[in-house]
Amino acid sequence: MGVTRLKRKDRRNKTVSRVEVQFLKLGRNIELGSKSQMPKDSQITKNDAILNQLASQAK
């Protein structure tokens, strides 16, 4: 069987879904002790800390 090329829309959907999955993996809270624990100097970790601080001040 020959290799079929994806149409432009399908190629875009494939790329977008891959990027979305990657984004969701990065943004998800990671449990302590997890193999994939976020580095402490990661921007996402810093953002979470600031958001948690603001949320606690708002209460």
PDB file of N, CA and C in Angstrom:
ATOM      1  N   MET A   1       0.835  -1.195   0.000  1.00  0.00           N
ATOM      2  CA  MET A   1       0.000   0.000   0.000  1.00  0.00           C
ATOM      3  C   MET A   1       0.874   1.251   0.000  1.00  0.00           C
ATOM      4  N   GLY A   2       0.436   2.237  -0.734  1.00  0.00           N
ATOM      5  CA  GLY A   2       1.178   3.489  -0.773  1.00  0.00           C
ATOM      6  C   GLY A   2       0.878   4.338   0.448  1.00  0.00           C
ATOM      7  N   VAL A   3       1.785   5.220   0.727  1.00  0.00           N
ATOM      8  CA  VAL A   3       1.587   6.130   1.861  1.00  0.00           C
ATOM      9  C   VAL A   3       0.680   7.262   1.398  1.00  0.00           C
ATOM     10  N   THR A   4      -0.366   7.524   2.141  1.00  0.00           N
ATOM     11  CA  THR A   4      -1.276   8.609   1.775  1.00  0.00           C
ATOM     12  C   THR A   4      -0.912   9.844   2.566  1.00  0.00           C
ATOM     13  N   ARG A   5      -0.902  10.973   1.880  1.00  0.00           N
ATOM     14  CA  ARG A   5      -0.623  12.227   2.567  1.00  0.00           C
ATOM     15  C   ARG A   5      -1.886  12.721   3.242  1.00  0.00           C
ATOM     16  N   LEU A   6      -1.700  13.312   4.412  1.00  0.00           N
ATOM     17  CA  LEU A   6      -2.843  13.908   5.090  1.00  0.00           C
ATOM     18  C   LEU A   6      -3.207  15.204   4.381  1.00  0.00           C
ATOM     19  N   LYS A   7      -4.485  15.474   4.336  1.00  0.00           N
ATOM     20  CA  LYS A   7      -4.915  16.764   3.799  1.00  0.00           C
ATOM     21  C   LYS A   7      -4.501  17.858   4.783  1.00  0.00           C
ATOM     22  N   ARG A   8      -4.488  19.071   4.293  1.00  0.00           N
ATOM     23  CA  ARG A   8      -3.983  20.190   5.101  1.00  0.00           C
ATOM     24  C   ARG A   8      -4.725  20.296   6.437  1.00  0.00           C
ATOM     25  N   LYS A   9      -6.037  20.168   6.411  1.00  0.00           N
ATOM     26  CA  LYS A   9      -6.837  20.285   7.636  1.00  0.00           C
ATOM     27  C   LYS A   9      -6.442  19.194   8.633  1.00  0.00           C
ATOM     28  N   ASP A  10      -6.245  17.960   8.136  1.00  0.00           N
ATOM     29  CA  ASP A  10      -5.887  16.856   9.022  1.00  0.00           C
ATOM     30  C   ASP A  10      -4.479  17.014   9.581  1.00  0.00           C
ATOM     31  N   ARG A  11      -3.579  17.529   8.764  1.00  0.00           N
ATOM     32  CA  ARG A  11      -2.219  17.780   9.268  1.00  0.00           C
ATOM     33  C   ARG A  11      -2.262  18.807  10.381  1.00  0.00           C
ATOM     34  N   ARG A  12      -3.073  19.855  10.170  1.00  0.00           N
ATOM     35  CA  ARG A  12      -3.187  20.908  11.193  1.00  0.00           C
ATOM     36  C   ARG A  12      -3.795  20.338  12.467  1.00  0.00           C
ATOM     37  N   ASN A  13      -4.848  19.544  12.340  1.00  0.00           N
ATOM     38  CA  ASN A  13      -5.487  18.955  13.518  1.00  0.00           C
ATOM     39  C   ASN A  13      -4.513  18.076  14.286  1.00  0.00           C
ATOM     40  N   LYS A  14      -3.702  17.311  13.549  1.00  0.00           N
ATOM     41  CA  LYS A  14      -2.719  16.443  14.192  1.00  0.00           C
ATOM     42  C   LYS A  14      -1.721  17.277  14.996  1.00  0.00           C
ATOM     43  N   THR A  15      -1.243  18.351  14.393  1.00  0.00           N
ATOM     44  CA  THR A  15      -0.258  19.204  15.062  1.00  0.00           C
ATOM     45  C   THR A  15      -0.878  19.907  16.261  1.00  0.00           C
ATOM     46  N   VAL A  16      -2.062  20.465  16.076  1.00  0.00           N
ATOM     47  CA  VAL A  16      -2.722  21.201  17.150  1.00  0.00           C
ATOM     48  C   VAL A  16      -3.017  20.278  18.323  1.00  0.00           C
ATOM     49  N   SER A  17      -3.499  19.077  18.061  1.00  0.00           N
ATOM     50  CA  SER A  17      -3.824  18.172  19.160  1.00  0.00           C
ATOM     51  C   SER A  17      -2.561  17.752  19.905  1.00  0.00           C
ATOM     52  N   ARG A  18      -1.454  17.576  19.172  1.00  0.00           N
ATOM     53  CA  ARG A  18      -0.197  17.207  19.830  1.00  0.00           C
ATOM     54  C   ARG A  18       0.281  18.339  20.742  1.00  0.00           C
ATOM     55  N   VAL A  19       0.170  19.572  20.252  1.00  0.00           N
ATOM     56  CA  VAL A  19       0.598  20.724  21.044  1.00  0.00           C
ATOM     57  C   VAL A  19      -0.310  20.901  22.258  1.00  0.00           C
ATOM     58  N   GLU A  20      -1.616  20.683  22.088  1.00  0.00           N
ATOM     59  CA  GLU A  20      -2.545  20.819  23.213  1.00  0.00           C
ATOM     60  C   GLU A  20      -2.243  19.804  24.299  1.00  0.00           C
ATOM     61  N   VAL A  21      -1.960  18.576  23.907  1.00  0.00           N
ATOM     62  CA  VAL A  21      -1.637  17.546  24.889  1.00  0.00           C
ATOM     63  C   VAL A  21      -0.376  17.932  25.648  1.00  0.00           C
ATOM     64  N   GLN A  22       0.618  18.431  24.918  1.00  0.00           N
ATOM     65  CA  GLN A  22       1.866  18.849  25.553  1.00  0.00           C
ATOM     66  C   GLN A  22       1.594  19.984  26.549  1.00  0.00           C
ATOM     67  N   PHE A  23       0.754  20.945  26.160  1.00  0.00           N
ATOM     68  CA  PHE A  23       0.425  22.070  27.025  1.00  0.00           C
ATOM     69  C   PHE A  23      -0.282  21.598  28.291  1.00  0.00           C
ATOM     70  N   LEU A  24      -1.218  20.665  28.132  1.00  0.00           N
ATOM     71  CA  LEU A  24      -1.956  20.166  29.293  1.00  0.00           C
ATOM     72  C   LEU A  24      -1.040  19.395  30.238  1.00  0.00           C
ATOM     73  N   LYS A  25      -0.104  18.640  29.676  1.00  0.00           N
ATOM     74  CA  LYS A  25       0.834  17.909  30.528  1.00  0.00           C
ATOM     75  C   LYS A  25       1.678  18.873  31.345  1.00  0.00           C
ATOM     76  N   LEU A  26       2.100  19.976  30.722  1.00  0.00           N
ATOM     77  CA  LEU A  26       2.940  20.943  31.430  1.00  0.00           C
ATOM     78  C   LEU A  26       2.155  21.693  32.503  1.00  0.00           C
ATOM     79  N   GLY A  27       0.901  21.987  32.221  1.00  0.00           N
ATOM     80  CA  GLY A  27       0.120  22.816  33.123  1.00  0.00           C
ATOM     81  C   GLY A  27      -0.522  22.076  34.270  1.00  0.00           C
ATOM     82  N   ARG A  28      -0.504  20.771  34.229  1.00  0.00           N
ATOM     83  CA  ARG A  28      -1.194  19.999  35.251  1.00  0.00           C
ATOM     84  C   ARG A  28      -0.383  19.986  36.546  1.00  0.00           C
ATOM     85  N   ASN A  29      -1.065  20.012  37.666  1.00  0.00           N
ATOM     86  CA  ASN A  29      -0.357  19.897  38.945  1.00  0.00           C
ATOM     87  C   ASN A  29       0.266  18.522  39.034  1.00  0.00           C
ATOM     88  N   ILE A  30       1.519  18.487  39.409  1.00  0.00           N
ATOM     89  CA  ILE A  30       2.235  17.221  39.473  1.00  0.00           C
ATOM     90  C   ILE A  30       2.399  16.831  40.936  1.00  0.00           C
ATOM     91  N   GLU A  31       2.071  15.587  41.237  1.00  0.00           N
ATOM     92  CA  GLU A  31       2.113  15.127  42.622  1.00  0.00           C
ATOM     93  C   GLU A  31       3.547  15.061  43.119  1.00  0.00           C
ATOM     94  N   LEU A  32       3.702  15.274  44.422  1.00  0.00           N
ATOM     95  CA  LEU A  32       5.026  15.156  45.025  1.00  0.00           C
ATOM     96  C   LEU A  32       5.491  13.710  44.933  1.00  0.00           C
ATOM     97  N   GLY A  33       6.759  13.533  44.696  1.00  0.00           N
ATOM     98  CA  GLY A  33       7.291  12.177  44.603  1.00  0.00           C
ATOM     99  C   GLY A  33       7.124  11.579  43.218  1.00  0.00           C
ATOM    100  N   SER A  34       6.526  12.328  42.315  1.00  0.00           N
ATOM    101  CA  SER A  34       6.333  11.829  40.964  1.00  0.00           C
ATOM    102  C   SER A  34       7.670  11.818  40.227  1.00  0.00           C
ATOM    103  N   LYS A  35       7.824  10.885  39.304  1.00  0.00           N
ATOM    104  CA  LYS A  35       9.055  10.819  38.515  1.00  0.00           C
ATOM    105  C   LYS A  35       9.225  12.079  37.689  1.00  0.00           C
ATOM    106  N   SER A  36       8.118  12.652  37.272  1.00  0.00           N
ATOM    107  CA  SER A  36       8.176  13.816  36.384  1.00  0.00           C
ATOM    108  C   SER A  36       7.935  15.109  37.159  1.00  0.00           C
ATOM    109  N   GLN A  37       8.513  15.212  38.346  1.00  0.00           N
ATOM    110  CA  GLN A  37       8.292  16.400  39.165  1.00  0.00           C
ATOM    111  C   GLN A  37       8.885  17.629  38.493  1.00  0.00           C
ATOM    112  N   MET A  38       8.169  18.736  38.602  1.00  0.00           N
ATOM    113  CA  MET A  38       8.619  19.977  37.985  1.00  0.00           C
ATOM    114  C   MET A  38       9.882  20.479  38.671  1.00  0.00           C
ATOM    115  N   PRO A  39      10.809  21.025  37.900  1.00  0.00           N
ATOM    116  CA  PRO A  39      11.965  21.668  38.527  1.00  0.00           C
ATOM    117  C   PRO A  39      11.521  22.901  39.305  1.00  0.00           C
ATOM    118  N   LYS A  40      12.235  23.226  40.370  1.00  0.00           N
ATOM    119  CA  LYS A  40      11.809  24.348  41.222  1.00  0.00           C
ATOM    120  C   LYS A  40      11.917  25.686  40.514  1.00  0.00           C
ATOM    121  N   ASP A  41      12.826  25.805  39.545  1.00  0.00           N
ATOM    122  CA  ASP A  41      12.988  27.085  38.853  1.00  0.00           C
ATOM    123  C   ASP A  41      12.146  27.164  37.584  1.00  0.00           C
ATOM    124  N   SER A  42      11.229  26.212  37.412  1.00  0.00           N
ATOM    125  CA  SER A  42      10.352  26.221  36.244  1.00  0.00           C
ATOM    126  C   SER A  42       9.389  27.401  36.321  1.00  0.00           C
ATOM    127  N   GLN A  43       9.087  28.004  35.179  1.00  0.00           N
ATOM    128  CA  GLN A  43       8.179  29.152  35.148  1.00  0.00           C
ATOM    129  C   GLN A  43       6.788  28.761  35.608  1.00  0.00           C
ATOM    130  N   ILE A  44       6.355  27.561  35.281  1.00  0.00           N
ATOM    131  CA  ILE A  44       5.021  27.106  35.681  1.00  0.00           C
ATOM    132  C   ILE A  44       4.930  26.992  37.197  1.00  0.00           C
ATOM    133  N   THR A  45       5.997  26.495  37.833  1.00  0.00           N
ATOM    134  CA  THR A  45       6.028  26.386  39.288  1.00  0.00           C
ATOM    135  C   THR A  45       5.962  27.775  39.924  1.00  0.00           C
ATOM    136  N   LYS A  46       6.693  28.713  39.351  1.00  0.00           N
ATOM    137  CA  LYS A  46       6.679  30.090  39.864  1.00  0.00           C
ATOM    138  C   LYS A  46       5.287  30.696  39.722  1.00  0.00           C
ATOM    139  N   ASN A  47       4.659  30.471  38.563  1.00  0.00           N
ATOM    140  CA  ASN A  47       3.309  31.011  38.335  1.00  0.00           C
ATOM    141  C   ASN A  47       2.322  30.432  39.328  1.00  0.00           C
ATOM    142  N   ASP A  48       2.412  29.115  39.578  1.00  0.00           N
ATOM    143  CA  ASP A  48       1.513  28.476  40.537  1.00  0.00           C
ATOM    144  C   ASP A  48       1.676  29.080  41.924  1.00  0.00           C
ATOM    145  N   ALA A  49       2.924  29.318  42.324  1.00  0.00           N
ATOM    146  CA  ALA A  49       3.178  29.887  43.642  1.00  0.00           C
ATOM    147  C   ALA A  49       2.550  31.275  43.761  1.00  0.00           C
ATOM    148  N   ILE A  50       2.704  32.090  42.725  1.00  0.00           N
ATOM    149  CA  ILE A  50       2.139  33.447  42.754  1.00  0.00           C
ATOM    150  C   ILE A  50       0.615  33.392  42.774  1.00  0.00           C
ATOM    151  N   LEU A  51       0.043  32.504  41.955  1.00  0.00           N
ATOM    152  CA  LEU A  51      -1.429  32.387  41.928  1.00  0.00           C
ATOM    153  C   LEU A  51      -1.972  31.908  43.269  1.00  0.00           C
ATOM    154  N   ASN A  52      -1.286  30.962  43.895  1.00  0.00           N
ATOM    155  CA  ASN A  52      -1.717  30.472  45.211  1.00  0.00           C
ATOM    156  C   ASN A  52      -1.637  31.585  46.249  1.00  0.00           C
ATOM    157  N   GLN A  53      -0.585  32.396  46.183  1.00  0.00           N
ATOM    158  CA  GLN A  53      -0.426  33.507  47.117  1.00  0.00           C
ATOM    159  C   GLN A  53      -1.546  34.525  46.936  1.00  0.00           C
ATOM    160  N   LEU A  54      -1.858  34.873  45.681  1.00  0.00           N
ATOM    161  CA  LEU A  54      -2.933  35.831  45.417  1.00  0.00           C
ATOM    162  C   LEU A  54      -4.291  35.289  45.858  1.00  0.00           C
ATOM    163  N   ALA A  55      -4.496  33.996  45.643  1.00  0.00           N
ATOM    164  CA  ALA A  55      -5.772  33.390  46.033  1.00  0.00           C
ATOM    165  C   ALA A  55      -5.930  33.411  47.548  1.00  0.00           C
ATOM    166  N   SER A  56      -4.843  33.171  48.277  1.00  0.00           N
ATOM    167  CA  SER A  56      -4.934  33.173  49.739  1.00  0.00           C
ATOM    168  C   SER A  56      -5.164  34.599  50.275  1.00  0.00           C
ATOM    169  N   GLN A  57      -4.600  35.614  49.596  1.00  0.00           N
ATOM    170  CA  GLN A  57      -4.821  36.993  50.019  1.00  0.00           C
ATOM    171  C   GLN A  57      -6.260  37.430  49.743  1.00  0.00           C
ATOM    172  N   ALA A  58      -6.852  36.896  48.710  1.00  0.00           N
ATOM    173  CA  ALA A  58      -8.206  37.292  48.320  1.00  0.00           C
ATOM    174  C   ALA A  58      -9.254  36.745  49.286  1.00  0.00           C
ATOM    175  N   LYS A  59      -8.901  35.721  50.041  1.00  0.00           N
ATOM    176  CA  LYS A  59      -9.900  35.119  50.959  1.00  0.00           C
ATOM    177  C   LYS A  59     -10.127  35.940  52.195  1.00  0.00           C
TER     178      LYS A  59
END
